[in-house]
Amino acid sequence: MSAELAVRALYDHVAAGDFDSVTQLLDEDVVFLQADSLPFGGEWRGTSGFAEMAARINSAWPGFAAAPRAFFSNGDTQVAALTKLIGDGIDMDMMELWTVVANRITRCQPFYFDTAAAVQSAKEYRS
């Protein structure tokens, strides 16, 4: 499986709510890096870290979904995904940089186009 196919599969499984299949794509030491200013900011490690991060994202933006719009890949280990974030209080674009090694996702770092707006929308929803 190419790096791009692994990332595409992850998005498909998340959209279907199939988190068992998601975790099968993740390396046991996977790292997700989120901007510290976000309510779910920080470094999340492993599949349990992924689950906790996902719960916090859904708490900040109920109904959250990430809809990929384009993928850019070096064909080997790096994939960038242009994604549309939607949910209660959020509607914006972001780019995620994924690293895949031996068919397992080892790292994801999102780049929000407007982190300040993401923080504000989470605060507004929770208040």
N, C-alpha and C. Protein backbone atom coordinates (compact mmCIF):
# COMPACT_ATOMS: atom_id res chain seq x y z
N MET A 1 0.85 -1.18 0.00
CA MET A 1 0.00 0.00 0.00
C MET A 1 0.89 1.23 0.00
N SER A 2 0.59 2.18 -0.87
CA SER A 2 1.37 3.41 -0.91
C SER A 2 1.00 4.29 0.29
N ALA A 3 1.85 5.27 0.56
CA ALA A 3 1.58 6.21 1.65
C ALA A 3 0.25 6.91 1.41
N GLU A 4 0.01 7.33 0.19
CA GLU A 4 -1.24 8.03 -0.11
C GLU A 4 -2.45 7.13 0.12
N LEU A 5 -2.38 5.88 -0.28
CA LEU A 5 -3.51 4.97 -0.07
C LEU A 5 -3.77 4.75 1.43
N ALA A 6 -2.71 4.69 2.23
CA ALA A 6 -2.88 4.54 3.68
C ALA A 6 -3.61 5.74 4.26
N VAL A 7 -3.23 6.95 3.85
CA VAL A 7 -3.87 8.16 4.37
C VAL A 7 -5.31 8.25 3.87
N ARG A 8 -5.53 7.93 2.60
CA ARG A 8 -6.91 7.93 2.08
C ARG A 8 -7.78 6.94 2.87
N ALA A 9 -7.23 5.77 3.15
CA ALA A 9 -7.97 4.76 3.91
C ALA A 9 -8.32 5.28 5.30
N LEU A 10 -7.39 5.99 5.93
CA LEU A 10 -7.65 6.55 7.25
C LEU A 10 -8.84 7.50 7.20
N TYR A 11 -8.85 8.42 6.25
CA TYR A 11 -9.97 9.35 6.12
C TYR A 11 -11.29 8.60 5.90
N ASP A 12 -11.25 7.56 5.05
CA ASP A 12 -12.46 6.77 4.79
C ASP A 12 -12.97 6.10 6.07
N HIS A 13 -12.06 5.51 6.84
CA HIS A 13 -12.45 4.82 8.07
C HIS A 13 -12.98 5.80 9.12
N VAL A 14 -12.35 6.97 9.22
CA VAL A 14 -12.84 7.98 10.17
C VAL A 14 -14.25 8.41 9.77
N ALA A 15 -14.47 8.67 8.49
CA ALA A 15 -15.79 9.10 8.02
C ALA A 15 -16.86 8.05 8.30
N ALA A 16 -16.46 6.78 8.24
CA ALA A 16 -17.40 5.68 8.49
C ALA A 16 -17.55 5.38 9.98
N GLY A 17 -16.75 6.04 10.82
CA GLY A 17 -16.79 5.77 12.25
C GLY A 17 -16.16 4.44 12.64
N ASP A 18 -15.30 3.92 11.77
CA ASP A 18 -14.65 2.62 11.98
C ASP A 18 -13.26 2.83 12.60
N PHE A 19 -13.25 3.11 13.90
CA PHE A 19 -11.99 3.45 14.55
C PHE A 19 -11.10 2.24 14.78
N ASP A 20 -11.67 1.03 14.77
CA ASP A 20 -10.82 -0.16 14.84
C ASP A 20 -9.93 -0.24 13.61
N SER A 21 -10.50 0.05 12.44
CA SER A 21 -9.71 0.04 11.20
C SER A 21 -8.72 1.19 11.17
N VAL A 22 -9.10 2.33 11.75
CA VAL A 22 -8.18 3.47 11.83
C VAL A 22 -6.94 3.05 12.61
N THR A 23 -7.14 2.46 13.78
CA THR A 23 -5.99 2.12 14.62
C THR A 23 -5.10 1.06 13.97
N GLN A 24 -5.64 0.25 13.09
CA GLN A 24 -4.82 -0.73 12.38
C GLN A 24 -3.86 -0.06 11.39
N LEU A 25 -4.18 1.15 10.97
CA LEU A 25 -3.32 1.90 10.06
C LEU A 25 -2.22 2.67 10.80
N LEU A 26 -2.39 2.84 12.12
CA LEU A 26 -1.47 3.66 12.90
C LEU A 26 -0.34 2.81 13.47
N ASP A 27 0.87 3.35 13.40
CA ASP A 27 2.00 2.75 14.08
C ASP A 27 1.76 2.85 15.58
N GLU A 28 2.25 1.89 16.34
CA GLU A 28 2.01 1.93 17.79
C GLU A 28 2.61 3.16 18.45
N ASP A 29 3.60 3.77 17.82
CA ASP A 29 4.23 4.98 18.35
C ASP A 29 3.86 6.23 17.55
N VAL A 30 2.73 6.20 16.86
CA VAL A 30 2.30 7.34 16.04
C VAL A 30 2.28 8.61 16.88
N VAL A 31 2.58 9.73 16.23
CA VAL A 31 2.57 11.04 16.88
C VAL A 31 1.67 11.98 16.09
N PHE A 32 0.73 12.60 16.80
CA PHE A 32 -0.10 13.65 16.24
C PHE A 32 0.27 14.95 16.95
N LEU A 33 0.62 15.96 16.19
CA LEU A 33 1.01 17.26 16.75
C LEU A 33 -0.07 18.28 16.43
N GLN A 34 -0.62 18.89 17.46
CA GLN A 34 -1.63 19.92 17.30
C GLN A 34 -1.10 21.23 17.87
N ALA A 35 -1.51 22.34 17.27
CA ALA A 35 -1.08 23.66 17.75
C ALA A 35 -1.45 23.81 19.22
N ASP A 36 -0.49 24.25 20.03
CA ASP A 36 -0.70 24.37 21.48
C ASP A 36 -1.84 25.31 21.85
N SER A 37 -2.17 26.25 20.98
CA SER A 37 -3.22 27.22 21.30
C SER A 37 -4.63 26.63 21.19
N LEU A 38 -4.76 25.46 20.57
CA LEU A 38 -6.07 24.84 20.42
C LEU A 38 -6.49 24.11 21.69
N PRO A 39 -7.80 23.95 21.93
CA PRO A 39 -8.25 23.25 23.13
C PRO A 39 -7.77 21.80 23.21
N PHE A 40 -7.38 21.25 22.08
CA PHE A 40 -6.87 19.88 22.01
C PHE A 40 -5.40 19.88 21.58
N GLY A 41 -4.73 21.00 21.85
CA GLY A 41 -3.34 21.18 21.43
C GLY A 41 -2.38 20.28 22.17
N GLY A 42 -1.24 20.08 21.56
CA GLY A 42 -0.18 19.30 22.18
C GLY A 42 0.26 18.15 21.31
N GLU A 43 1.02 17.27 21.91
CA GLU A 43 1.56 16.09 21.24
C GLU A 43 0.81 14.87 21.75
N TRP A 44 0.21 14.14 20.84
CA TRP A 44 -0.57 12.95 21.17
C TRP A 44 0.16 11.73 20.62
N ARG A 45 0.43 10.75 21.48
CA ARG A 45 1.22 9.59 21.07
C ARG A 45 0.42 8.29 21.18
N GLY A 46 0.66 7.42 20.21
CA GLY A 46 0.05 6.10 20.23
C GLY A 46 -1.43 6.13 19.90
N THR A 47 -2.01 4.93 19.81
CA THR A 47 -3.42 4.85 19.45
C THR A 47 -4.31 5.40 20.57
N SER A 48 -3.89 5.26 21.82
CA SER A 48 -4.68 5.83 22.92
C SER A 48 -4.62 7.36 22.87
N GLY A 49 -3.46 7.90 22.50
CA GLY A 49 -3.34 9.35 22.33
C GLY A 49 -4.24 9.85 21.20
N PHE A 50 -4.29 9.08 20.12
CA PHE A 50 -5.17 9.43 19.00
C PHE A 50 -6.63 9.46 19.48
N ALA A 51 -7.04 8.45 20.23
CA ALA A 51 -8.42 8.37 20.71
C ALA A 51 -8.75 9.56 21.61
N GLU A 52 -7.83 9.92 22.50
CA GLU A 52 -8.06 11.06 23.40
C GLU A 52 -8.13 12.37 22.61
N MET A 53 -7.23 12.54 21.64
CA MET A 53 -7.24 13.73 20.80
C MET A 53 -8.57 13.84 20.05
N ALA A 54 -9.01 12.73 19.46
CA ALA A 54 -10.27 12.73 18.71
C ALA A 54 -11.45 13.11 19.61
N ALA A 55 -11.45 12.60 20.84
CA ALA A 55 -12.52 12.94 21.78
C ALA A 55 -12.51 14.43 22.10
N ARG A 56 -11.33 14.99 22.27
CA ARG A 56 -11.24 16.42 22.58
C ARG A 56 -11.63 17.29 21.39
N ILE A 57 -11.27 16.85 20.18
CA ILE A 57 -11.69 17.59 18.98
C ILE A 57 -13.21 17.58 18.89
N ASN A 58 -13.82 16.41 19.10
CA ASN A 58 -15.28 16.32 19.02
C ASN A 58 -15.96 17.09 20.14
N SER A 59 -15.29 17.27 21.26
CA SER A 59 -15.83 18.10 22.34
C SER A 59 -15.78 19.58 21.95
N ALA A 60 -14.70 19.98 21.28
CA ALA A 60 -14.56 21.37 20.84
C ALA A 60 -15.52 21.70 19.70
N TRP A 61 -15.68 20.75 18.77
CA TRP A 61 -16.53 20.94 17.59
C TRP A 61 -17.42 19.72 17.39
N PRO A 62 -18.54 19.61 18.10
CA PRO A 62 -19.43 18.47 17.88
C PRO A 62 -19.82 18.36 16.40
N GLY A 63 -19.93 17.15 15.95
CA GLY A 63 -20.26 16.93 14.54
C GLY A 63 -19.08 17.13 13.62
N PHE A 64 -17.89 17.22 14.18
CA PHE A 64 -16.66 17.47 13.42
C PHE A 64 -16.47 16.41 12.33
N ALA A 65 -16.05 16.86 11.17
CA ALA A 65 -15.67 15.95 10.08
C ALA A 65 -14.55 16.63 9.29
N ALA A 66 -13.65 15.81 8.80
CA ALA A 66 -12.57 16.29 7.93
C ALA A 66 -12.79 15.68 6.55
N ALA A 67 -13.06 16.53 5.59
CA ALA A 67 -13.33 16.07 4.23
C ALA A 67 -12.14 16.38 3.34
N PRO A 68 -11.35 15.38 2.98
CA PRO A 68 -10.18 15.64 2.13
C PRO A 68 -10.61 16.11 0.74
N ARG A 69 -9.89 17.11 0.24
CA ARG A 69 -10.19 17.66 -1.08
C ARG A 69 -9.10 17.37 -2.09
N ALA A 70 -7.86 17.20 -1.64
CA ALA A 70 -6.76 16.90 -2.56
C ALA A 70 -5.62 16.25 -1.78
N PHE A 71 -4.90 15.39 -2.45
CA PHE A 71 -3.73 14.73 -1.86
C PHE A 71 -2.52 15.01 -2.73
N PHE A 72 -1.39 15.22 -2.07
CA PHE A 72 -0.12 15.44 -2.75
C PHE A 72 0.88 14.51 -2.09
N SER A 73 1.54 13.68 -2.88
CA SER A 73 2.40 12.65 -2.29
C SER A 73 3.73 12.58 -3.00
N ASN A 74 4.78 12.24 -2.23
CA ASN A 74 6.05 11.97 -2.87
C ASN A 74 6.10 10.52 -3.33
N GLY A 75 5.00 9.79 -3.11
CA GLY A 75 4.89 8.42 -3.56
C GLY A 75 5.53 7.41 -2.63
N ASP A 76 6.24 7.89 -1.61
CA ASP A 76 6.98 6.98 -0.76
C ASP A 76 6.53 7.06 0.69
N THR A 77 6.82 8.19 1.35
CA THR A 77 6.52 8.28 2.77
C THR A 77 5.76 9.53 3.18
N GLN A 78 5.74 10.55 2.36
CA GLN A 78 5.12 11.83 2.74
C GLN A 78 3.85 12.08 1.93
N VAL A 79 2.79 12.48 2.63
CA VAL A 79 1.53 12.83 1.98
C VAL A 79 1.02 14.12 2.61
N ALA A 80 0.64 15.06 1.78
CA ALA A 80 -0.02 16.27 2.25
C ALA A 80 -1.47 16.18 1.80
N ALA A 81 -2.39 16.47 2.70
CA ALA A 81 -3.81 16.42 2.39
C ALA A 81 -4.42 17.79 2.64
N LEU A 82 -5.03 18.36 1.62
CA LEU A 82 -5.79 19.59 1.77
C LEU A 82 -7.19 19.17 2.21
N THR A 83 -7.62 19.65 3.36
CA THR A 83 -8.82 19.14 4.00
C THR A 83 -9.76 20.28 4.36
N LYS A 84 -11.03 20.02 4.24
CA LYS A 84 -12.08 20.94 4.67
C LYS A 84 -12.60 20.45 6.01
N LEU A 85 -12.50 21.29 7.05
CA LEU A 85 -13.03 20.95 8.37
C LEU A 85 -14.43 21.50 8.49
N ILE A 86 -15.35 20.64 8.92
CA ILE A 86 -16.72 21.10 9.12
C ILE A 86 -17.24 20.52 10.43
N GLY A 87 -18.19 21.20 11.02
CA GLY A 87 -18.81 20.77 12.27
C GLY A 87 -19.48 21.95 12.91
N ASP A 88 -20.06 21.72 14.08
CA ASP A 88 -20.71 22.81 14.80
C ASP A 88 -19.66 23.83 15.21
N GLY A 89 -19.69 24.99 14.58
CA GLY A 89 -18.78 26.06 14.93
C GLY A 89 -17.51 26.11 14.11
N ILE A 90 -17.30 25.18 13.19
CA ILE A 90 -16.05 25.19 12.41
C ILE A 90 -16.36 24.95 10.93
N ASP A 91 -15.72 25.73 10.08
CA ASP A 91 -15.81 25.57 8.63
C ASP A 91 -14.59 26.25 8.05
N MET A 92 -13.52 25.49 7.86
CA MET A 92 -12.28 26.08 7.35
C MET A 92 -11.42 25.03 6.68
N ASP A 93 -10.43 25.50 5.95
CA ASP A 93 -9.45 24.62 5.30
C ASP A 93 -8.25 24.42 6.20
N MET A 94 -7.59 23.30 6.01
CA MET A 94 -6.30 23.05 6.66
C MET A 94 -5.51 22.08 5.79
N MET A 95 -4.23 22.02 6.06
CA MET A 95 -3.34 21.08 5.38
C MET A 95 -2.76 20.16 6.44
N GLU A 96 -2.73 18.88 6.17
CA GLU A 96 -2.12 17.93 7.09
C GLU A 96 -0.94 17.25 6.39
N LEU A 97 0.17 17.17 7.09
CA LEU A 97 1.34 16.48 6.58
C LEU A 97 1.44 15.15 7.31
N TRP A 98 1.37 14.08 6.55
CA TRP A 98 1.39 12.72 7.07
C TRP A 98 2.71 12.04 6.71
N THR A 99 3.20 11.21 7.62
CA THR A 99 4.36 10.37 7.34
C THR A 99 3.93 8.92 7.51
N VAL A 100 4.28 8.10 6.52
CA VAL A 100 3.92 6.68 6.52
C VAL A 100 5.20 5.88 6.32
N VAL A 101 5.43 4.90 7.18
CA VAL A 101 6.60 4.02 7.09
C VAL A 101 6.10 2.58 7.16
N ALA A 102 6.49 1.78 6.18
CA ALA A 102 6.11 0.37 6.13
C ALA A 102 4.59 0.20 6.27
N ASN A 103 3.86 1.01 5.52
CA ASN A 103 2.39 0.97 5.47
C ASN A 103 1.70 1.36 6.76
N ARG A 104 2.42 1.97 7.68
CA ARG A 104 1.84 2.41 8.96
C ARG A 104 2.04 3.92 9.10
N ILE A 105 1.00 4.60 9.53
CA ILE A 105 1.09 6.05 9.73
C ILE A 105 1.87 6.30 11.01
N THR A 106 2.94 7.08 10.89
CA THR A 106 3.82 7.33 12.04
C THR A 106 3.72 8.75 12.57
N ARG A 107 3.16 9.67 11.76
CA ARG A 107 3.13 11.07 12.19
C ARG A 107 2.09 11.84 11.39
N CYS A 108 1.44 12.80 12.07
CA CYS A 108 0.54 13.73 11.40
C CYS A 108 0.69 15.08 12.06
N GLN A 109 0.87 16.10 11.24
CA GLN A 109 0.92 17.46 11.75
C GLN A 109 0.02 18.34 10.89
N PRO A 110 -1.09 18.81 11.47
CA PRO A 110 -1.97 19.70 10.73
C PRO A 110 -1.49 21.15 10.78
N PHE A 111 -1.80 21.86 9.72
CA PHE A 111 -1.50 23.29 9.63
C PHE A 111 -2.83 23.99 9.32
N TYR A 112 -3.41 24.60 10.35
CA TYR A 112 -4.68 25.30 10.20
C TYR A 112 -4.42 26.61 9.47
N PHE A 113 -5.27 26.93 8.52
CA PHE A 113 -5.08 28.17 7.76
C PHE A 113 -5.29 29.39 8.64
N ASP A 114 -6.11 29.25 9.68
CA ASP A 114 -6.35 30.35 10.60
C ASP A 114 -6.54 29.77 12.01
N THR A 115 -5.45 29.54 12.71
CA THR A 115 -5.51 28.93 14.03
C THR A 115 -6.30 29.79 15.00
N ALA A 116 -6.16 31.11 14.91
CA ALA A 116 -6.90 32.00 15.80
C ALA A 116 -8.41 31.81 15.62
N ALA A 117 -8.87 31.68 14.40
CA ALA A 117 -10.30 31.46 14.15
C ALA A 117 -10.73 30.09 14.67
N ALA A 118 -9.87 29.08 14.57
CA ALA A 118 -10.19 27.76 15.10
C ALA A 118 -10.35 27.81 16.61
N VAL A 119 -9.45 28.50 17.28
CA VAL A 119 -9.53 28.65 18.74
C VAL A 119 -10.81 29.38 19.11
N GLN A 120 -11.10 30.48 18.42
CA GLN A 120 -12.29 31.28 18.72
C GLN A 120 -13.55 30.47 18.51
N SER A 121 -13.63 29.71 17.42
CA SER A 121 -14.84 28.94 17.16
C SER A 121 -15.08 27.89 18.23
N ALA A 122 -14.01 27.28 18.74
CA ALA A 122 -14.15 26.30 19.83
C ALA A 122 -14.62 26.98 21.10
N LYS A 123 -14.08 28.16 21.40
CA LYS A 123 -14.50 28.91 22.60
C LYS A 123 -15.96 29.32 22.49
N GLU A 124 -16.37 29.79 21.32
CA GLU A 124 -17.75 30.23 21.14
C GLU A 124 -18.71 29.08 21.30
N TYR A 125 -18.36 27.91 20.78
CA TYR A 125 -19.26 26.77 20.86
C TYR A 125 -19.43 26.32 22.31
N ARG A 126 -18.34 26.33 23.05
CA ARG A 126 -18.37 25.82 24.43
C ARG A 126 -19.00 26.81 25.40
N SER A 127 -19.14 28.09 25.02
CA SER A 127 -19.70 29.06 25.98
C SER A 127 -21.20 29.20 25.85
